[in-house]
Protein backbone atom coordinates (compact mmCIF):
# COMPACT_ATOMS: atom_id res chain seq x y z
CA MET A 1 -4.82 -7.18 9.39
CA GLU A 2 -7.43 -7.61 6.69
CA SER A 3 -9.07 -11.48 6.29
CA GLY A 4 -11.60 -12.47 3.63
CA ILE A 5 -9.70 -10.14 0.69
CA PRO A 6 -7.61 -12.72 -1.27
CA ILE A 7 -4.11 -11.48 -1.70
CA GLN A 8 -0.56 -12.82 -1.74
CA LEU A 9 1.50 -9.90 -0.08
CA PRO A 10 4.70 -9.36 -1.41
CA LYS A 11 7.88 -10.06 1.20
CA ALA A 12 9.71 -7.07 2.16
CA SER A 13 11.91 -6.17 5.55
CA SER A 14 10.70 -3.18 7.10
CA LYS A 15 9.28 -1.90 10.14
CA ALA A 16 6.51 -3.04 12.85
CA LEU A 17 3.51 -1.07 12.57
CA PRO A 18 3.24 2.20 14.91
CA LYS A 19 0.54 1.77 17.07
CA SER A 20 -2.23 3.60 17.07
CA ASP A 21 -5.85 4.39 19.30
CA GLN A 22 -8.31 4.16 16.13
CA GLN A 23 -8.14 1.24 13.50
CA PRO A 24 -6.07 1.30 10.96
CA VAL A 25 -7.59 2.01 7.55
CA THR A 26 -6.40 -0.49 4.28
CA LEU A 27 -6.85 -0.67 0.79
CA ASN A 28 -6.86 -3.68 -0.41
CA ILE A 29 -5.78 -4.69 -4.38
CA THR A 30 -6.90 -8.19 -5.45
CA LYS A 31 -4.35 -9.54 -8.13
CA ASP A 32 -7.21 -8.62 -9.97
CA ALA A 33 -7.09 -5.02 -9.60
CA ARG A 34 -10.20 -5.18 -7.33
CA VAL A 35 -10.06 -2.15 -4.74
CA TYR A 36 -11.31 -2.82 -1.26
CA LEU A 37 -11.53 0.33 1.30
CA ASN A 38 -11.64 -2.49 4.44
CA LYS A 39 -14.02 -4.46 3.30
CA ASP A 40 -15.84 -3.09 1.11
CA GLU A 41 -15.12 -2.94 -2.62
CA ILE A 42 -15.20 0.26 -4.20
CA PRO A 43 -15.04 0.91 -7.82
CA THR A 44 -11.34 2.87 -9.19
CA SER A 45 -14.00 5.17 -10.85
CA GLU A 46 -15.07 6.52 -6.82
CA LEU A 47 -12.02 5.83 -5.02
CA ARG A 48 -10.68 9.39 -5.44
CA GLY A 49 -14.14 10.65 -3.60
CA ARG A 50 -15.13 7.53 -1.55
CA ILE A 51 -11.51 8.10 0.30
CA SER A 52 -12.08 11.67 0.44
CA ALA A 53 -15.36 11.15 2.67
CA PHE A 54 -14.47 8.61 4.44
CA PHE A 55 -11.59 10.45 6.03
CA LYS A 56 -13.11 13.47 5.91
CA ASN A 57 -13.90 13.81 10.31
CA ARG A 58 -11.05 11.81 10.61
CA ALA A 59 -7.98 13.57 12.38
CA GLU A 60 -5.25 11.09 11.32
CA LYS A 61 -4.91 10.94 7.53
CA GLU A 62 -3.41 7.41 6.94
CA ILE A 63 -3.71 4.44 5.05
CA PHE A 64 -2.49 1.30 4.40
CA ILE A 65 -2.04 -0.41 1.23
CA ARG A 66 -2.11 -4.31 0.90
CA ALA A 67 -1.60 -5.03 -2.56
CA ASP A 68 -1.34 -8.60 -4.15
CA GLY A 69 2.43 -8.52 -5.48
CA ALA A 70 1.42 -9.92 -9.25
CA LEU A 71 -0.09 -7.04 -9.71
CA PRO A 72 1.59 -4.59 -11.89
CA TYR A 73 3.80 -1.48 -10.36
CA ALA A 74 1.51 0.98 -12.33
CA VAL A 75 -1.53 -0.04 -10.70
CA VAL A 76 -0.04 0.17 -7.40
CA ALA A 77 1.81 3.49 -8.40
CA GLN A 78 -1.83 5.16 -9.64
CA THR A 79 -3.57 3.73 -6.79
CA MET A 80 -1.32 5.80 -5.01
CA ALA A 81 -1.42 8.46 -6.84
CA THR A 82 -5.40 8.76 -6.68
CA VAL A 83 -5.08 8.04 -2.85
CA LYS A 84 -2.93 10.93 -2.00
CA SER A 85 -5.05 13.41 -4.51
CA ALA A 86 -7.91 12.77 -2.19
CA GLY A 87 -6.26 14.60 0.99
CA ILE A 88 -4.02 11.67 2.52
CA ASN A 89 -0.94 12.13 3.50
CA LYS A 90 0.16 9.17 5.13
CA ILE A 91 0.46 5.79 2.61
CA GLY A 92 1.76 2.23 3.97
CA LEU A 93 2.60 -0.28 1.92
CA VAL A 94 2.15 -3.99 3.74
CA THR A 95 4.22 -6.48 3.31
CA LEU A 96 5.14 -9.79 4.80
CA PRO A 97 8.21 -10.23 6.39
CA PRO A 98 11.49 -12.13 3.91
CA GLU A 99 11.69 -15.87 4.95
CA GLU A 100 15.00 -16.44 7.29
CA LYS A 101 17.71 -17.99 5.55
CA ALA A 102 18.81 -21.07 7.43
CA GLN A 103 22.59 -20.75 8.71
């Protein structure tokens, strides 16, 4: 989805993202806990307000979080809570597919 922001995604089994008419919105969190809304860095203190303003005129309130796998769970959970408090009702986590095991 996004390139240029260094993130090592965790691996997990999941379904493919659904097709949408709108470009997906991503919240990227690097291993040093820097947060980017799409490609724009946002101070965590401004995250709720910036997300709320970004989605104000969008009918689809959906965001995908790309969090580095080295981040503590608490950082991801707190960020998700902030996103939810900004009025976003659909939050997806982006992961890499697991490696196939040789048989």
